[in-house]
Protein backbone atom coordinates (compact mmCIF):
# COMPACT_ATOMS: atom_id res chain seq x y z
CA UNK A 1 -27.85 -15.11 11.56
CA UNK A 2 -24.53 -13.32 11.94
CA UNK A 3 -22.97 -10.56 13.96
CA UNK A 4 -19.43 -9.73 12.97
CA UNK A 5 -16.89 -11.55 10.85
CA UNK A 6 -13.52 -10.14 9.84
CA UNK A 7 -10.57 -10.92 7.59
CA UNK A 8 -11.64 -13.81 5.38
CA UNK A 9 -9.03 -14.57 2.74
CA UNK A 10 -10.61 -15.57 -0.56
CA UNK A 11 -8.02 -14.88 -3.20
CA UNK A 12 -4.30 -14.59 -2.38
CA UNK A 13 -3.35 -13.52 -5.91
CA UNK A 14 -4.70 -9.96 -5.90
CA UNK A 15 -2.57 -7.28 -7.55
CA UNK A 16 -2.09 -3.55 -7.38
CA UNK A 17 0.54 -1.32 -8.98
CA UNK A 18 0.48 1.22 -6.14
CA UNK A 19 1.43 -1.10 -3.29
CA UNK A 20 4.98 -1.21 -1.90
CA UNK A 21 5.61 -4.05 0.53
CA UNK A 22 2.81 -6.58 0.72
CA UNK A 23 2.64 -8.41 4.04
CA UNK A 24 0.77 -11.65 4.65
CA UNK A 25 -2.74 -10.98 5.87
CA UNK A 26 -4.62 -13.09 8.41
CA UNK A 27 -6.21 -16.16 6.88
CA UNK A 28 -9.64 -17.27 8.06
CA UNK A 29 -9.46 -15.14 11.19
CA UNK A 30 -12.92 -14.66 12.66
CA UNK A 31 -13.00 -11.93 15.27
CA UNK A 32 -16.55 -12.81 16.24
CA UNK A 33 -19.01 -15.36 14.91
CA UNK A 34 -22.34 -15.85 16.64
CA UNK A 35 -25.55 -17.64 15.64
CA UNK A 36 -24.20 -18.42 12.19
CA UNK A 37 -25.23 -21.98 11.43
CA UNK A 38 -25.88 -21.99 7.69
CA UNK A 39 -22.37 -22.87 6.50
CA UNK A 40 -23.57 -23.77 3.01
CA UNK A 41 -25.12 -20.33 2.49
CA UNK A 42 -21.99 -18.63 3.79
CA UNK A 43 -19.74 -20.73 1.56
CA UNK A 44 -21.85 -19.93 -1.50
CA UNK A 45 -21.62 -16.22 -0.72
CA UNK A 46 -17.84 -16.47 -0.34
CA UNK A 47 -17.60 -18.36 -3.62
CA UNK A 48 -19.42 -15.48 -5.32
CA UNK A 49 -16.79 -13.04 -3.98
CA UNK A 50 -14.01 -15.36 -5.06
CA UNK A 51 -15.35 -15.34 -8.62
CA UNK A 52 -15.06 -11.54 -8.56
CA UNK A 53 -11.50 -11.89 -7.19
CA UNK A 54 -12.60 -10.05 -4.07
CA UNK A 55 -11.64 -10.79 -0.48
CA UNK A 56 -14.04 -10.33 2.41
CA UNK A 57 -12.54 -8.17 5.13
CA UNK A 58 -15.51 -7.62 7.42
CA UNK A 59 -19.22 -8.28 7.83
CA UNK A 60 -21.07 -6.64 10.69
CA UNK A 61 -24.82 -6.98 11.24
CA UNK A 62 -25.13 -3.61 12.98
CA UNK A 63 -28.92 -3.76 13.30
CA UNK A 64 -31.81 -5.98 12.26
CA UNK A 65 -32.00 -4.28 8.88
CA UNK A 66 -28.47 -2.98 8.33
CA UNK A 67 -25.44 -4.92 7.18
CA UNK A 68 -21.97 -3.40 7.05
CA UNK A 69 -19.77 -4.99 4.40
CA UNK A 70 -16.09 -4.36 3.70
CA UNK A 71 -14.34 -6.10 0.83
CA UNK A 72 -10.91 -5.83 -0.76
CA UNK A 73 -10.64 -5.63 -4.54
CA UNK A 74 -7.37 -4.96 -6.35
CA UNK A 75 -5.77 -4.17 -2.95
CA UNK A 76 -8.26 -1.37 -2.25
CA UNK A 77 -10.83 -1.82 0.53
CA UNK A 78 -14.42 -0.71 -0.03
CA UNK A 79 -16.84 -0.34 2.86
CA UNK A 80 -20.53 0.55 3.02
CA UNK A 81 -23.69 -0.12 5.03
CA UNK A 82 -26.60 -1.77 3.22
CA UNK A 83 -30.19 -1.48 4.36
CA UNK A 84 -31.59 -4.93 3.70
CA UNK A 85 -35.24 -3.86 3.66
CA UNK A 86 -34.96 -0.68 1.60
CA UNK A 87 -31.54 -0.29 -0.04
CA UNK A 88 -30.90 3.22 -1.29
CA UNK A 89 -29.54 4.12 -4.72
CA UNK A 90 -28.93 7.82 -4.07
CA UNK A 91 -26.36 9.46 -1.82
CA UNK A 92 -24.67 6.13 -1.11
CA UNK A 93 -21.83 6.49 1.37
CA UNK A 94 -18.59 4.60 0.67
CA UNK A 95 -15.23 4.47 2.42
CA UNK A 96 -12.27 3.35 0.33
CA UNK A 97 -8.67 2.83 1.41
CA UNK A 98 -5.42 1.66 -0.15
CA UNK A 99 -4.44 -1.45 1.81
CA UNK A 100 -0.73 -0.99 1.17
CA UNK A 101 1.28 2.27 1.30
CA UNK A 102 2.70 4.05 -1.71
CA UNK A 103 6.38 3.39 -2.38
CA UNK A 104 7.50 7.02 -2.33
CA UNK A 105 5.66 8.43 0.69
CA UNK A 106 4.51 5.45 2.76
CA UNK A 107 0.99 6.85 3.09
CA UNK A 108 -2.41 5.20 3.49
CA UNK A 109 -5.43 7.26 2.41
CA UNK A 110 -8.93 6.92 3.82
CA UNK A 111 -11.33 8.37 1.26
CA UNK A 112 -15.00 9.00 2.04
CA UNK A 113 -17.31 9.45 -0.95
CA UNK A 114 -21.00 9.87 -1.70
CA UNK A 115 -22.53 8.90 -5.04
CA UNK A 116 -25.74 7.97 -6.82
CA UNK A 117 -25.96 4.43 -8.15
CA UNK A 118 -26.02 4.23 -11.96
CA UNK A 119 -26.82 1.35 -14.27
CA UNK A 120 -23.54 0.35 -15.85
CA UNK A 121 -22.26 -1.53 -18.86
CA UNK A 122 -19.98 -4.53 -18.65
CA UNK A 123 -16.33 -3.55 -18.23
CA UNK A 124 -13.25 -5.73 -18.64
CA UNK A 125 -11.64 -6.57 -15.32
CA UNK A 126 -8.30 -5.18 -16.49
CA UNK A 127 -9.68 -1.65 -16.76
CA UNK A 128 -12.50 -1.82 -14.19
CA UNK A 129 -10.36 -0.53 -11.34
CA UNK A 130 -8.36 2.02 -13.34
CA UNK A 131 -10.51 4.99 -12.15
CA UNK A 132 -9.80 3.97 -8.54
CA UNK A 133 -6.08 3.72 -9.29
CA UNK A 134 -6.14 7.12 -10.99
CA UNK A 135 -7.79 8.68 -7.94
CA UNK A 136 -5.17 7.26 -5.59
CA UNK A 137 -2.33 8.24 -7.95
CA UNK A 138 -3.56 11.85 -7.82
CA UNK A 139 -3.97 12.20 -4.07
CA UNK A 140 -0.24 12.46 -3.14
CA UNK A 141 0.06 15.53 -5.40
CA UNK A 142 -2.18 17.40 -2.95
CA UNK A 143 -0.45 16.18 0.21
CA UNK A 144 1.75 18.76 1.92
CA UNK A 145 4.23 18.11 4.72
CA UNK A 146 2.89 16.24 7.70
CA UNK A 147 -0.75 17.20 7.17
CA UNK A 148 -3.27 14.58 8.26
CA UNK A 149 -5.95 15.50 5.74
CA UNK A 150 -6.21 16.60 2.11
CA UNK A 151 -7.76 20.06 1.81
CA UNK A 152 -11.32 20.03 0.46
CA UNK A 153 -10.25 22.80 -1.93
CA UNK A 154 -8.66 20.08 -4.10
CA UNK A 155 -11.53 17.60 -4.20
CA UNK A 156 -12.91 18.87 -7.50
CA UNK A 157 -9.49 18.54 -9.17
CA UNK A 158 -9.12 15.01 -7.85
CA UNK A 159 -12.29 13.92 -9.65
CA UNK A 160 -11.86 16.02 -12.77
CA UNK A 161 -11.99 13.88 -15.91
CA UNK A 162 -12.51 10.58 -14.06
CA UNK A 163 -15.85 11.19 -12.35
CA UNK A 164 -17.96 9.24 -14.88
CA UNK A 165 -15.59 6.27 -14.94
CA UNK A 166 -15.31 6.29 -11.16
CA UNK A 167 -19.09 6.38 -10.81
CA UNK A 168 -19.36 3.35 -13.10
CA UNK A 169 -16.80 1.42 -11.04
CA UNK A 170 -18.39 2.29 -7.69
CA UNK A 171 -21.84 1.34 -9.04
CA UNK A 172 -20.44 -2.03 -10.14
CA UNK A 173 -18.92 -2.63 -6.71
CA UNK A 174 -22.07 -1.51 -4.89
CA UNK A 175 -24.36 -3.78 -6.92
CA UNK A 176 -22.12 -6.78 -6.33
CA UNK A 177 -22.03 -6.00 -2.62
CA UNK A 178 -25.84 -6.10 -2.77
CA UNK A 179 -25.69 -9.45 -4.59
CA UNK A 180 -23.33 -10.77 -1.92
CA UNK A 181 -25.73 -9.60 0.81
CA UNK A 182 -28.57 -11.36 -1.02
CA UNK A 183 -26.66 -14.63 -1.14
CA UNK A 184 -25.71 -14.29 2.51
CA UNK A 185 -29.15 -13.37 3.84
CA UNK A 186 -31.33 -15.06 1.18
CA UNK A 187 -33.11 -11.77 0.56
CA UNK A 188 -33.65 -10.02 -2.78
CA UNK A 189 -32.28 -6.50 -2.43
CA UNK A 190 -30.93 -6.60 -5.98
CA UNK A 191 -34.41 -6.52 -7.50
CA UNK A 192 -35.30 -3.59 -5.24
CA UNK A 193 -32.48 -1.42 -6.59
CA UNK A 194 -33.04 -2.62 -10.17
CA UNK A 195 -36.69 -1.57 -10.03
CA UNK A 196 -35.98 1.94 -8.78
CA UNK A 197 -35.65 4.83 -11.20
CA UNK A 198 -31.98 5.82 -11.44
CA UNK A 199 -30.95 9.05 -9.76
CA UNK A 200 -29.01 11.77 -11.56
CA UNK A 201 -25.28 11.05 -11.96
CA UNK A 202 -23.55 12.36 -8.85
CA UNK A 203 -20.28 11.73 -7.04
CA UNK A 204 -18.58 13.73 -4.31
CA UNK A 205 -15.46 13.36 -2.19
CA UNK A 206 -16.39 14.09 1.42
CA UNK A 207 -13.06 13.69 3.17
CA UNK A 208 -9.55 12.29 2.67
CA UNK A 209 -7.51 11.39 5.74
CA UNK A 210 -3.78 10.65 5.57
CA UNK A 211 -2.07 7.96 7.62
CA UNK A 212 1.73 8.12 7.52
CA UNK A 213 3.25 4.66 7.94
């Protein structure tokens, strides 16, 4: 039904304390759109993201069963690949990135994480993304000179004291990505993850790359 769609603007009023100079992003720019005829289904899926105050950055149907989704929430991009037939709830791989550079060092950070999905309680929107902000606030303290990567020796310190909150936030984002995929594909992956026994709480930073702007 779809191949690849990029940069769909849903909500122009997103906010983030760590950004410096926010530039206008492409509006309704589709890099590739093939065999996608169900406009009503697509619009309903986008409306769901809009209600979350998320913006769709990319969808890529990379195989018959795998859907790559990248969204922007609170000026942070979140990317993952969802298996539509058997979505996993353990060792989920996420990439997150600050869309706008920090004021003081003009850096963009690409953070790769793995985590186990956890059932979560409802959290107010105002504090939902605070663990993500805390993580990105901490990263510059471990950046030295012109290095292109944060040393793995500091990964434990980066997560210390925020791991549980961060796991809750990532689980919230992952489940809503699944819901979005369901609305887009008319499948029912959400019930598949809800019916699985939860894995042990686990979160790990795999890599942090630095892009100097």
